[in-house]
Amino acid sequence: MVSPLAFIHPGAQIDESAIIGPFAYIDDNVVIGAGTEVMANASVLYGTRIGNNCKIFPSAVVGAIPQDLKFKGEESLAIIGDNTTIRECATIHRGTASKGKTVVGNNCLIMAYSHVAHDCFLHNNIIMSNAVQLAGEVVVEDFAIIGGGTLVHQFSHIGAHVMIQGGSKVNKDVPPYVIAAREPIQYCGINSIGLNRRGFTREQINTIQDTYRMIYSPLYNITQAVEHAISELPETAERNLIVEFVKESPRGIIKGAI
């Protein structure tokens, strides 16, 4: 299951069921789980941990050192969960002293030419379309879908179940359940199709819509909108997630549609 044309460092730990293609490069201090395939010319570098049943396509690079001038060679990790696919020429860098690790969760799809910079934290079931570029310390929550060619500013936070239009420039936090689009990027309604597909009930979707009508009401600033949402809307998990995201956003959330 390991090509004789691959380079495997003796310090790497590779499950016997893993598949390593020709001219793949597997560095020291690497762990590769059961059923994972590393295809031809892919590089898995020092400090990488790859889970089970992943697919690393040709010319992808996982675990390269950060493109951060503050990085001084400290020990850090790049961690990939189970059942995640990393397509051609995608790059995922390991962490710095700031967080110590870059994490991509389970069941993610990182499409060709995408980049995940140092200390990013991607949760589960995320899709990054072709050539998405995440700067350092970005957080992306479950089931987010980021359209092709999107640029995400460092320290940005993208909420769960979000859909971001291709070619967007994300320089503010994107709260959960929304569609974000246009230039400059802004709130364009909730991701109702995605929520339906994931089993959200009509009542849950209505609650999300009501919460965002209040958050983006022209009658209130964001602080007032949050207070009104808490006092006037019934408490649900969805309302609470939105309110907490908005309250805790240090960068501020994207603006509402004009």
Protein backbone atom coordinates (compact mmCIF):
# COMPACT_ATOMS: atom_id res chain seq x y z
CA MET A 1 0.00 0.00 0.00
CA VAL A 2 3.09 2.25 0.05
CA SER A 3 4.77 3.00 -3.29
CA PRO A 4 8.49 2.26 -3.35
CA LEU A 5 8.87 5.61 -5.11
CA ALA A 6 7.50 7.55 -2.11
CA PHE A 7 9.76 9.09 0.55
CA ILE A 8 8.73 7.97 4.03
CA HIS A 9 10.72 9.32 6.97
CA PRO A 10 11.44 6.58 9.52
CA GLY A 11 9.91 8.80 12.23
CA ALA A 12 6.50 8.84 10.51
CA GLN A 13 3.68 6.67 11.87
CA ILE A 14 1.53 5.35 9.04
CA ASP A 15 -1.35 2.94 9.53
CA GLU A 16 -0.82 -0.28 7.59
CA SER A 17 -4.08 0.29 5.68
CA ALA A 18 -3.04 3.75 4.42
CA ILE A 19 -2.15 4.23 0.75
CA ILE A 20 0.90 6.32 -0.16
CA GLY A 21 1.36 7.10 -3.86
CA PRO A 22 4.55 7.52 -5.88
CA PHE A 23 6.69 10.58 -5.18
CA ALA A 24 4.65 11.47 -2.10
CA TYR A 25 6.76 13.00 0.68
CA ILE A 26 5.99 11.98 4.28
CA ASP A 27 8.12 13.85 6.83
CA ASP A 28 9.24 13.09 10.37
CA ASN A 29 6.72 13.50 13.23
CA VAL A 30 3.75 12.71 10.99
CA VAL A 31 0.82 10.44 11.86
CA ILE A 32 -1.49 9.10 9.13
CA GLY A 33 -4.60 7.17 10.06
CA ALA A 34 -6.37 4.09 8.74
CA GLY A 35 -7.68 4.13 5.20
CA THR A 36 -6.16 7.50 4.34
CA GLU A 37 -4.71 7.96 0.86
CA VAL A 38 -1.87 10.34 0.07
CA MET A 39 -1.63 10.59 -3.69
CA ALA A 40 1.31 11.17 -6.01
CA ASN A 41 3.47 14.23 -5.35
CA ALA A 42 1.55 15.27 -2.24
CA SER A 43 3.63 16.45 0.74
CA VAL A 44 2.77 15.77 4.37
CA LEU A 45 5.25 17.70 6.48
CA TYR A 46 6.57 17.77 10.02
CA GLY A 47 3.96 18.03 12.77
CA THR A 48 0.98 16.83 10.73
CA ARG A 49 -1.71 14.55 12.13
CA ILE A 50 -4.14 13.12 9.58
CA GLY A 51 -7.15 11.07 10.67
CA ASN A 52 -8.87 8.10 9.10
CA ASN A 53 -10.25 7.76 5.56
CA CYS A 54 -8.91 11.07 4.29
CA LYS A 55 -7.83 11.75 0.71
CA ILE A 56 -4.87 14.01 -0.01
CA PHE A 57 -4.74 14.74 -3.74
CA PRO A 58 -1.65 15.32 -5.92
CA SER A 59 0.52 18.34 -5.13
CA ALA A 60 -1.36 19.23 -1.94
CA VAL A 61 0.89 20.36 0.94
CA VAL A 62 -0.16 19.76 4.54
CA GLY A 63 1.85 20.96 7.52
CA ALA A 64 4.22 23.47 5.92
CA ILE A 65 5.66 26.08 8.28
CA PRO A 66 3.60 29.27 8.62
CA GLN A 67 4.04 32.31 6.42
CA ASP A 68 4.30 34.40 9.57
CA LEU A 69 7.50 36.32 10.24
CA LYS A 70 6.96 35.87 13.98
CA PHE A 71 7.33 32.10 13.61
CA LYS A 72 10.67 31.04 15.11
CA GLY A 73 10.56 27.30 14.50
CA GLU A 74 8.51 26.45 17.58
CA GLU A 75 6.84 23.05 17.82
CA SER A 76 3.32 23.14 16.43
CA LEU A 77 0.81 20.94 14.62
CA ALA A 78 -1.47 20.71 11.61
CA ILE A 79 -4.38 18.43 12.53
CA ILE A 80 -6.79 16.97 9.97
CA GLY A 81 -9.87 15.06 11.14
CA ASP A 82 -11.51 11.96 9.66
CA ASN A 83 -13.10 11.66 6.21
CA THR A 84 -11.68 14.96 5.00
CA THR A 85 -10.62 15.56 1.39
CA ILE A 86 -7.83 17.95 0.43
CA ARG A 87 -7.74 18.53 -3.31
CA GLU A 88 -4.96 19.38 -5.74
CA CYS A 89 -2.48 22.11 -4.77
CA ALA A 90 -4.33 23.04 -1.58
CA THR A 91 -2.06 24.17 1.27
CA ILE A 92 -2.58 23.88 5.02
CA HIS A 93 0.04 25.37 7.34
CA ARG A 94 0.74 24.36 10.90
CA GLY A 95 0.29 26.65 13.88
CA THR A 96 2.48 29.21 15.59
CA ALA A 97 3.05 30.07 19.23
CA SER A 98 -0.29 31.90 19.13
CA LYS A 99 -2.47 28.78 19.10
CA GLY A 100 0.03 25.98 18.58
CA LYS A 101 -2.02 24.21 15.94
CA THR A 102 -4.07 24.55 12.80
CA VAL A 103 -7.16 22.32 12.80
CA VAL A 104 -9.39 21.07 9.98
CA GLY A 105 -12.24 18.94 11.29
CA ASN A 106 -14.13 15.89 10.09
CA ASN A 107 -15.94 15.50 6.75
CA CYS A 108 -14.49 18.67 5.25
CA LEU A 109 -13.80 19.33 1.57
CA ILE A 110 -10.90 21.67 0.85
CA MET A 111 -10.97 22.20 -2.92
CA ALA A 112 -8.07 22.85 -5.29
CA TYR A 113 -5.72 25.79 -4.72
CA SER A 114 -7.32 26.71 -1.39
CA HIS A 115 -5.18 27.89 1.51
CA VAL A 116 -5.65 27.44 5.26
CA ALA A 117 -3.15 29.61 7.11
CA HIS A 118 -1.56 29.18 10.53
CA ASP A 119 -3.74 28.71 13.60
CA CYS A 120 -7.03 28.50 11.71
CA PHE A 121 -9.72 26.36 13.29
CA LEU A 122 -12.17 24.74 10.89
CA HIS A 123 -14.96 22.73 12.50
CA ASN A 124 -16.78 19.85 10.73
CA ASN A 125 -18.62 19.40 7.42
CA ILE A 126 -17.13 22.53 5.85
CA ILE A 127 -16.79 23.10 2.11
CA MET A 128 -14.13 25.49 0.83
CA SER A 129 -14.52 25.89 -2.92
CA ASN A 130 -11.62 26.37 -5.33
CA ALA A 131 -9.01 29.01 -4.42
CA VAL A 132 -10.55 30.14 -1.11
CA GLN A 133 -7.84 31.88 0.91
CA LEU A 134 -8.04 31.91 4.71
CA ALA A 135 -5.60 34.20 6.51
CA GLY A 136 -4.23 33.36 9.94
CA GLU A 137 -6.39 32.53 12.96
CA VAL A 138 -9.68 32.39 11.09
CA VAL A 139 -12.47 30.31 12.68
CA VAL A 140 -15.03 28.55 10.46
CA GLU A 141 -17.90 26.71 12.14
CA ASP A 142 -19.88 23.60 11.15
CA PHE A 143 -21.51 23.25 7.71
CA ALA A 144 -20.23 26.57 6.38
CA ILE A 145 -19.84 26.75 2.60
CA ILE A 146 -17.37 29.29 1.21
CA GLY A 147 -17.63 30.10 -2.48
CA GLY A 148 -14.66 29.97 -4.85
CA GLY A 149 -12.04 32.70 -4.77
CA THR A 150 -13.21 34.13 -1.45
CA LEU A 151 -10.62 36.05 0.59
CA VAL A 152 -10.98 35.92 4.38
CA HIS A 153 -9.19 38.49 6.57
CA GLN A 154 -7.14 37.29 9.52
CA PHE A 155 -8.97 36.74 12.81
CA SER A 156 -12.36 36.62 11.06
CA HIS A 157 -15.08 34.32 12.37
CA ILE A 158 -17.51 32.54 10.02
CA GLY A 159 -20.56 31.07 11.72
CA ALA A 160 -22.29 27.72 11.30
CA HIS A 161 -24.50 26.97 8.27
CA VAL A 162 -23.30 30.05 6.41
CA MET A 163 -23.19 30.36 2.62
CA ILE A 164 -20.68 32.88 1.25
CA GLN A 165 -20.83 33.97 -2.38
CA GLY A 166 -17.80 33.21 -4.54
CA GLY A 167 -15.33 36.04 -4.96
CA SER A 168 -16.27 37.71 -1.68
CA LYS A 169 -13.91 39.67 0.53
CA VAL A 170 -14.67 38.79 4.14
CA ASN A 171 -13.35 41.51 6.46
CA LYS A 172 -16.00 41.24 9.19
CA ASP A 173 -17.48 38.31 11.10
CA VAL A 174 -20.26 36.41 9.32
CA PRO A 175 -22.95 35.32 11.82
CA PRO A 176 -24.56 31.85 11.66
CA TYR A 177 -27.28 30.71 9.25
CA VAL A 178 -26.90 33.57 6.76
CA ILE A 179 -26.14 34.13 3.10
CA ALA A 180 -23.33 36.65 2.67
CA ALA A 181 -22.78 38.25 -0.72
CA ARG A 182 -22.30 41.47 -2.76
CA GLU A 183 -19.45 43.97 -2.71
CA PRO A 184 -18.79 45.04 -0.03
CA ILE A 185 -19.96 41.83 1.60
CA GLN A 186 -23.26 42.05 3.48
CA TYR A 187 -26.14 40.06 4.92
CA CYS A 188 -28.48 38.89 2.12
CA GLY A 189 -30.99 36.78 4.04
CA ILE A 190 -30.76 33.42 5.74
CA ASN A 191 -29.52 30.20 4.18
CA SER A 192 -32.98 28.62 4.16
CA ILE A 193 -32.21 26.04 1.46
CA GLY A 194 -29.19 24.77 3.38
CA LEU A 195 -31.13 24.72 6.64
CA ASN A 196 -33.97 22.73 5.05
CA ARG A 197 -31.50 20.21 3.69
CA ARG A 198 -30.03 19.75 7.17
CA GLY A 199 -33.38 19.08 8.79
CA PHE A 200 -34.20 22.39 10.43
CA THR A 201 -37.92 22.69 11.10
CA ARG A 202 -40.10 25.52 9.83
CA GLU A 203 -40.34 26.81 13.40
CA GLN A 204 -36.56 26.92 13.75
CA ILE A 205 -36.16 28.71 10.42
CA ASN A 206 -38.84 31.22 11.36
CA THR A 207 -37.04 31.93 14.64
CA ILE A 208 -33.79 32.55 12.75
CA GLN A 209 -35.57 34.91 10.34
CA ASP A 210 -37.23 36.81 13.18
CA THR A 211 -33.93 37.19 14.99
CA TYR A 212 -32.17 38.62 11.95
CA ARG A 213 -35.03 40.97 11.18
CA MET A 214 -34.35 42.45 14.59
CA ILE A 215 -30.54 42.33 14.38
CA TYR A 216 -30.56 44.17 11.07
CA SER A 217 -33.48 46.48 11.79
CA PRO A 218 -32.74 50.10 10.78
CA LEU A 219 -34.44 51.16 14.03
CA TYR A 220 -31.61 49.91 16.27
CA ASN A 221 -27.88 49.82 16.48
CA ILE A 222 -26.38 46.37 17.06
CA THR A 223 -26.30 46.67 20.85
CA GLN A 224 -29.94 47.74 20.97
CA ALA A 225 -30.92 45.02 18.49
CA VAL A 226 -29.37 42.33 20.66
CA GLU A 227 -31.17 43.64 23.73
CA HIS A 228 -34.50 43.65 21.90
CA ALA A 229 -33.89 40.14 20.54
CA ILE A 230 -33.25 38.84 24.04
CA SER A 231 -36.26 40.57 25.58
CA GLU A 232 -38.82 40.14 22.79
CA LEU A 233 -38.09 36.82 21.07
CA PRO A 234 -38.65 33.39 22.64
CA GLU A 235 -35.49 31.72 23.87
CA THR A 236 -34.34 28.97 21.50
CA ALA A 237 -30.99 27.42 20.68
CA GLU A 238 -30.98 29.24 17.34
CA ARG A 239 -31.75 32.65 18.81
CA ASN A 240 -29.15 32.16 21.52
CA LEU A 241 -26.45 31.15 19.03
CA ILE A 242 -27.05 34.26 16.92
CA VAL A 243 -27.17 36.60 19.91
CA GLU A 244 -24.02 35.18 21.49
CA PHE A 245 -22.14 35.32 18.18
CA VAL A 246 -23.04 38.98 17.69
CA LYS A 247 -22.24 39.93 21.30
CA GLU A 248 -18.86 38.21 21.23
CA SER A 249 -17.71 39.48 17.82
CA PRO A 250 -14.62 41.68 18.35
CA ARG A 251 -14.46 42.64 14.65
CA GLY A 252 -18.16 43.34 14.30
CA ILE A 253 -20.53 41.50 11.98
CA ILE A 254 -21.18 42.16 8.30
CA LYS A 255 -23.67 44.92 7.53
CA GLY A 256 -27.24 44.40 6.42
CA ALA A 257 -28.30 44.71 2.78
CA ILE A 258 -29.04 48.24 1.66
